[in-house]
Amino acid sequence: MAKSIKDSPKKPRGRPATGKDPMVGVRMSEELQDEIRHWAGKQEDDPPLATAIRRLVEIGLKAKR
């Protein structure tokens, strides 16, 4: 006997994934954020705060002690 109703697979629920890397939350003072924004403003492309923080972390990890 044939099915009268076609069954379609369910779509995933929720917001679609935006990236592969896990999100890391960090608390920092307004003063530190202002310093980071000031640093970002001196860069050629004036990156947003999150990008500036990532760049500064990369720079810090590459720095020799």
N, C-alpha and C. Protein backbone atom coordinates (compact mmCIF):
# COMPACT_ATOMS: atom_id res chain seq x y z
N MET A 1 0.83 -1.17 0.00
CA MET A 1 0.00 0.00 0.00
C MET A 1 0.88 1.25 0.00
N ALA A 2 0.56 2.22 -0.83
CA ALA A 2 1.35 3.44 -0.96
C ALA A 2 0.98 4.45 0.11
N LYS A 3 1.96 5.22 0.51
CA LYS A 3 1.70 6.28 1.49
C LYS A 3 0.94 7.40 0.81
N SER A 4 -0.02 7.97 1.49
CA SER A 4 -0.77 9.08 0.92
C SER A 4 -0.16 10.43 1.26
N ILE A 5 0.64 10.48 2.32
CA ILE A 5 1.28 11.73 2.74
C ILE A 5 2.78 11.55 2.60
N LYS A 6 3.41 12.49 1.88
CA LYS A 6 4.86 12.42 1.74
C LYS A 6 5.51 13.03 2.97
N ASP A 7 6.48 12.32 3.49
CA ASP A 7 7.20 12.76 4.69
C ASP A 7 8.48 13.47 4.27
N SER A 8 8.64 14.72 4.70
CA SER A 8 9.88 15.44 4.38
C SER A 8 10.69 15.58 5.66
N PRO A 9 12.03 15.53 5.54
CA PRO A 9 12.86 15.65 6.75
C PRO A 9 12.68 17.02 7.40
N LYS A 10 12.73 17.04 8.73
CA LYS A 10 12.56 18.30 9.46
C LYS A 10 13.80 19.17 9.31
N LYS A 11 13.58 20.46 9.28
CA LYS A 11 14.67 21.41 9.20
C LYS A 11 15.24 21.59 10.60
N PRO A 12 16.57 21.87 10.69
CA PRO A 12 17.15 22.12 12.02
C PRO A 12 16.52 23.35 12.66
N ARG A 13 16.34 23.29 13.96
CA ARG A 13 15.74 24.41 14.67
C ARG A 13 16.81 25.35 15.18
N GLY A 14 16.42 26.59 15.39
CA GLY A 14 17.33 27.58 15.97
C GLY A 14 18.10 28.35 14.93
N ARG A 15 18.94 29.21 15.43
CA ARG A 15 19.75 30.07 14.57
C ARG A 15 20.84 29.25 13.89
N PRO A 16 21.07 29.48 12.59
CA PRO A 16 22.14 28.75 11.92
C PRO A 16 23.52 29.14 12.46
N ALA A 17 24.44 28.21 12.39
CA ALA A 17 25.79 28.47 12.87
C ALA A 17 26.44 29.58 12.05
N THR A 18 27.14 30.49 12.72
CA THR A 18 27.77 31.61 12.03
C THR A 18 29.26 31.39 11.83
N GLY A 19 29.84 30.48 12.53
CA GLY A 19 31.27 30.24 12.41
C GLY A 19 31.65 28.90 12.98
N LYS A 20 32.90 28.54 12.78
CA LYS A 20 33.38 27.25 13.25
C LYS A 20 34.04 27.35 14.62
N ASP A 21 34.55 28.52 14.92
CA ASP A 21 35.28 28.69 16.18
C ASP A 21 34.32 28.97 17.34
N PRO A 22 34.63 28.42 18.52
CA PRO A 22 33.78 28.69 19.67
C PRO A 22 33.91 30.15 20.13
N MET A 23 32.84 30.68 20.67
CA MET A 23 32.82 32.06 21.16
C MET A 23 33.43 32.08 22.56
N VAL A 24 34.26 33.08 22.82
CA VAL A 24 34.88 33.26 24.13
C VAL A 24 34.49 34.63 24.64
N GLY A 25 33.83 34.67 25.78
CA GLY A 25 33.44 35.95 26.37
C GLY A 25 34.49 36.43 27.36
N VAL A 26 34.74 37.72 27.36
CA VAL A 26 35.74 38.29 28.26
C VAL A 26 35.18 39.56 28.87
N ARG A 27 35.34 39.72 30.17
CA ARG A 27 34.95 40.96 30.82
C ARG A 27 36.18 41.85 30.91
N MET A 28 36.00 43.13 30.58
CA MET A 28 37.11 44.08 30.72
C MET A 28 36.55 45.45 31.03
N SER A 29 37.35 46.25 31.69
CA SER A 29 36.92 47.57 32.11
C SER A 29 36.72 48.48 30.90
N GLU A 30 35.96 49.53 31.10
CA GLU A 30 35.74 50.52 30.04
C GLU A 30 37.07 51.17 29.64
N GLU A 31 37.95 51.37 30.64
CA GLU A 31 39.25 51.98 30.36
C GLU A 31 40.07 51.12 29.40
N LEU A 32 40.08 49.81 29.63
CA LEU A 32 40.82 48.91 28.76
C LEU A 32 40.20 48.88 27.36
N GLN A 33 38.88 48.88 27.30
CA GLN A 33 38.20 48.92 26.00
C GLN A 33 38.54 50.21 25.25
N ASP A 34 38.60 51.32 25.99
CA ASP A 34 38.96 52.60 25.37
C ASP A 34 40.39 52.55 24.81
N GLU A 35 41.30 51.92 25.56
CA GLU A 35 42.68 51.80 25.08
C GLU A 35 42.73 50.96 23.80
N ILE A 36 41.96 49.89 23.77
CA ILE A 36 41.93 49.03 22.59
C ILE A 36 41.33 49.77 21.40
N ARG A 37 40.26 50.52 21.65
CA ARG A 37 39.64 51.31 20.57
C ARG A 37 40.63 52.38 20.06
N HIS A 38 41.38 52.98 20.97
CA HIS A 38 42.38 53.97 20.57
C HIS A 38 43.44 53.32 19.69
N TRP A 39 43.91 52.13 20.08
CA TRP A 39 44.88 51.39 19.28
C TRP A 39 44.28 51.06 17.91
N ALA A 40 43.02 50.61 17.90
CA ALA A 40 42.36 50.24 16.65
C ALA A 40 42.23 51.45 15.72
N GLY A 41 41.98 52.61 16.29
CA GLY A 41 41.84 53.82 15.50
C GLY A 41 43.11 54.21 14.76
N LYS A 42 44.26 53.78 15.28
CA LYS A 42 45.53 54.07 14.63
C LYS A 42 45.84 53.11 13.49
N GLN A 43 45.10 52.01 13.40
CA GLN A 43 45.34 51.03 12.35
C GLN A 43 44.74 51.52 11.03
N GLU A 44 45.29 51.05 9.92
CA GLU A 44 44.83 51.49 8.60
C GLU A 44 43.35 51.23 8.38
N ASP A 45 42.87 50.04 8.79
CA ASP A 45 41.48 49.67 8.49
C ASP A 45 40.51 49.96 9.63
N ASP A 46 40.99 50.51 10.75
CA ASP A 46 40.17 50.84 11.91
C ASP A 46 39.20 49.70 12.23
N PRO A 47 39.73 48.54 12.69
CA PRO A 47 38.89 47.37 12.92
C PRO A 47 37.90 47.55 14.07
N PRO A 48 36.80 46.80 14.06
CA PRO A 48 35.89 46.83 15.20
C PRO A 48 36.57 46.24 16.45
N LEU A 49 35.95 46.46 17.59
CA LEU A 49 36.56 46.07 18.87
C LEU A 49 36.94 44.59 18.91
N ALA A 50 36.06 43.70 18.49
CA ALA A 50 36.34 42.26 18.56
C ALA A 50 37.55 41.90 17.71
N THR A 51 37.64 42.47 16.52
CA THR A 51 38.78 42.19 15.64
C THR A 51 40.07 42.76 16.24
N ALA A 52 39.98 43.94 16.82
CA ALA A 52 41.16 44.55 17.45
C ALA A 52 41.65 43.69 18.61
N ILE A 53 40.74 43.15 19.40
CA ILE A 53 41.13 42.30 20.53
C ILE A 53 41.83 41.04 20.00
N ARG A 54 41.27 40.41 18.96
CA ARG A 54 41.90 39.22 18.38
C ARG A 54 43.31 39.54 17.88
N ARG A 55 43.47 40.67 17.20
CA ARG A 55 44.79 41.05 16.68
C ARG A 55 45.79 41.28 17.81
N LEU A 56 45.35 41.96 18.85
CA LEU A 56 46.25 42.23 19.97
C LEU A 56 46.66 40.94 20.68
N VAL A 57 45.75 39.99 20.79
CA VAL A 57 46.09 38.70 21.40
C VAL A 57 47.11 37.98 20.53
N GLU A 58 46.90 37.99 19.19
CA GLU A 58 47.86 37.35 18.29
C GLU A 58 49.24 38.01 18.40
N ILE A 59 49.27 39.34 18.45
CA ILE A 59 50.53 40.07 18.59
C ILE A 59 51.21 39.69 19.90
N GLY A 60 50.44 39.63 20.97
CA GLY A 60 51.00 39.26 22.27
C GLY A 60 51.55 37.86 22.29
N LEU A 61 50.89 36.93 21.61
CA LEU A 61 51.37 35.56 21.59
C LEU A 61 52.64 35.41 20.73
N LYS A 62 52.80 36.26 19.73
CA LYS A 62 53.98 36.18 18.87
C LYS A 62 55.19 36.90 19.47
N ALA A 63 54.94 37.79 20.42
CA ALA A 63 56.02 38.59 21.00
C ALA A 63 57.00 37.70 21.75
N LYS A 64 58.28 38.02 21.58
CA LYS A 64 59.30 37.28 22.32
C LYS A 64 59.48 37.91 23.68
N ARG A 65 59.73 37.10 24.66
CA ARG A 65 59.91 37.61 26.03
C ARG A 65 61.31 38.08 26.22
